[in-house]
Amino acid sequence: MEEIRVFLADGENHVRRAMHLSLDHLPGVIVSGEAQDAEHALARIIQDPPDVLLLDWHLPGMHPQRMLPVLRKFCPQAKIFATVLQPKSGQLALAYGFDAYLLKGLPPDEFVNSLKTHLSIT
């Protein structure tokens, strides 16, 4: 199985930690990096592009919709998912060109199952 490298960008440390812990239990998935704001996320992602980016819809520093063109330029193969609190924000993210959205308020197993579905992981 090919390894999938996931980058977590979320302004809240406890949310990043929860996502990281949830992803640690997924075979073939590794968390390649984390950032708490747009500046650090862009610097890390451009330096070492991930396969998947989980990007907080309310990431401090720059709205994700403005980051998307830069991310697409530097990591065109990456799947970029918005992490949102409400489906309405997720629909907006899809309209802006995100590949998918994940609800942050889900229990960890549902969050992971949602990610697995989007990545076609069994």
Protein backbone atom coordinates (compact mmCIF):
# COMPACT_ATOMS: atom_id res chain seq x y z
CA MET A 1 0.00 0.00 0.00
CA GLU A 2 1.28 3.43 -0.94
CA GLU A 3 1.75 5.87 1.90
CA ILE A 4 -0.53 8.94 1.96
CA ARG A 5 1.02 12.06 3.45
CA VAL A 6 -1.48 14.38 5.13
CA PHE A 7 -0.81 17.97 6.27
CA LEU A 8 -3.00 19.52 8.99
CA ALA A 9 -3.61 23.27 9.04
CA ASP A 10 -5.90 24.44 11.83
CA GLY A 11 -5.74 27.42 14.15
CA GLU A 12 -6.77 25.41 17.18
CA ASN A 13 -4.12 23.18 18.73
CA HIS A 14 -6.65 20.76 20.27
CA VAL A 15 -8.35 20.27 16.88
CA ARG A 16 -5.03 19.53 15.17
CA ARG A 17 -4.10 17.15 17.97
CA ALA A 18 -7.44 15.33 17.70
CA MET A 19 -7.14 15.00 13.92
CA HIS A 20 -3.54 13.80 14.26
CA LEU A 21 -4.49 11.17 16.83
CA SER A 22 -7.38 10.00 14.65
CA LEU A 23 -5.17 9.71 11.57
CA ASP A 24 -2.45 7.84 13.48
CA HIS A 25 -4.77 4.81 13.51
CA LEU A 26 -5.19 4.76 9.73
CA PRO A 27 -2.83 2.30 8.03
CA GLY A 28 -0.84 3.86 5.22
CA VAL A 29 -1.57 7.43 6.34
CA ILE A 30 1.03 9.62 8.01
CA VAL A 31 0.77 13.20 9.18
CA SER A 32 3.61 14.93 7.34
CA GLY A 33 3.23 18.27 9.09
CA GLU A 34 1.05 20.74 10.95
CA ALA A 35 0.53 24.49 11.07
CA GLN A 36 -1.58 26.85 13.15
CA ASP A 37 -1.83 29.69 10.63
CA ALA A 38 -1.68 30.43 6.92
CA GLU A 39 1.90 31.76 6.90
CA HIS A 40 3.36 28.63 8.51
CA ALA A 41 1.13 26.34 6.45
CA LEU A 42 2.21 27.88 3.14
CA ALA A 43 5.90 27.79 4.08
CA ARG A 44 5.77 24.12 5.09
CA ILE A 45 3.52 22.97 2.24
CA ILE A 46 5.56 24.70 -0.47
CA GLN A 47 8.76 23.21 0.96
CA ASP A 48 7.34 19.67 1.27
CA PRO A 49 4.04 19.22 -0.65
CA PRO A 50 1.68 16.66 0.91
CA ASP A 51 -0.68 14.26 -0.85
CA VAL A 52 -3.64 15.58 1.15
CA LEU A 53 -4.17 18.88 2.90
CA LEU A 54 -6.79 19.37 5.60
CA LEU A 55 -7.28 23.13 5.72
CA ASP A 56 -9.36 24.86 8.39
CA TRP A 57 -12.02 27.05 6.75
CA HIS A 58 -11.26 29.66 9.42
CA LEU A 59 -7.46 29.37 9.35
CA PRO A 60 -5.85 32.48 10.87
CA GLY A 61 -3.80 34.69 8.56
CA MET A 62 -5.51 34.23 5.21
CA HIS A 63 -8.87 32.92 4.12
CA PRO A 64 -8.51 29.45 2.56
CA GLN A 65 -10.26 30.60 -0.61
CA ARG A 66 -7.34 33.01 -1.18
CA MET A 67 -4.79 30.30 -0.37
CA LEU A 68 -6.24 27.78 -2.80
CA PRO A 69 -4.64 29.15 -6.02
CA VAL A 70 -1.20 29.21 -4.35
CA LEU A 71 -1.64 25.69 -3.02
CA ARG A 72 -2.77 24.42 -6.42
CA LYS A 73 0.34 25.97 -8.01
CA PHE A 74 2.84 24.43 -5.59
CA CYS A 75 1.15 21.09 -4.99
CA PRO A 76 -1.08 20.45 -8.01
CA GLN A 77 -1.47 16.74 -7.27
CA ALA A 78 -2.64 17.25 -3.67
CA LYS A 79 -6.23 16.76 -2.64
CA ILE A 80 -7.26 19.82 -0.67
CA PHE A 81 -10.08 19.42 1.83
CA ALA A 82 -11.69 22.19 3.85
CA THR A 83 -12.38 21.31 7.45
CA VAL A 84 -15.56 23.06 8.53
CA LEU A 85 -17.97 23.25 11.43
CA GLN A 86 -21.13 23.47 9.32
CA PRO A 87 -22.17 21.85 6.02
CA LYS A 88 -23.07 25.32 4.69
CA SER A 89 -19.39 26.34 4.91
CA GLY A 90 -18.46 23.05 3.25
CA GLN A 91 -20.74 23.78 0.31
CA LEU A 92 -19.11 27.20 -0.02
CA ALA A 93 -15.67 25.54 0.01
CA LEU A 94 -16.74 23.23 -2.81
CA ALA A 95 -17.97 26.23 -4.79
CA TYR A 96 -14.51 27.84 -4.39
CA GLY A 97 -12.80 24.73 -5.77
CA PHE A 98 -11.87 22.58 -2.79
CA ASP A 99 -11.87 18.85 -3.54
CA ALA A 100 -14.13 18.05 -0.59
CA TYR A 101 -14.95 19.10 2.93
CA LEU A 102 -14.87 17.31 6.27
CA LEU A 103 -16.96 18.22 9.30
CA LYS A 104 -14.77 18.92 12.33
CA GLY A 105 -17.50 18.23 14.88
CA LEU A 106 -17.82 14.55 14.03
CA PRO A 107 -16.72 11.84 16.47
CA PRO A 108 -13.18 10.67 15.57
CA ASP A 109 -14.27 7.42 13.92
CA GLU A 110 -16.82 9.22 11.72
CA PHE A 111 -14.25 11.88 10.79
CA VAL A 112 -11.77 9.17 9.77
CA ASN A 113 -14.45 7.24 7.86
CA SER A 114 -15.38 10.41 6.00
CA LEU A 115 -11.73 10.99 5.06
CA LYS A 116 -11.34 7.34 4.03
CA THR A 117 -14.37 7.65 1.77
CA HIS A 118 -12.95 10.75 0.05
CA LEU A 119 -9.57 9.08 -0.39
CA SER A 120 -11.06 5.71 -1.42
CA ILE A 121 -9.22 3.93 1.39
CA THR A 122 -10.68 0.68 2.67
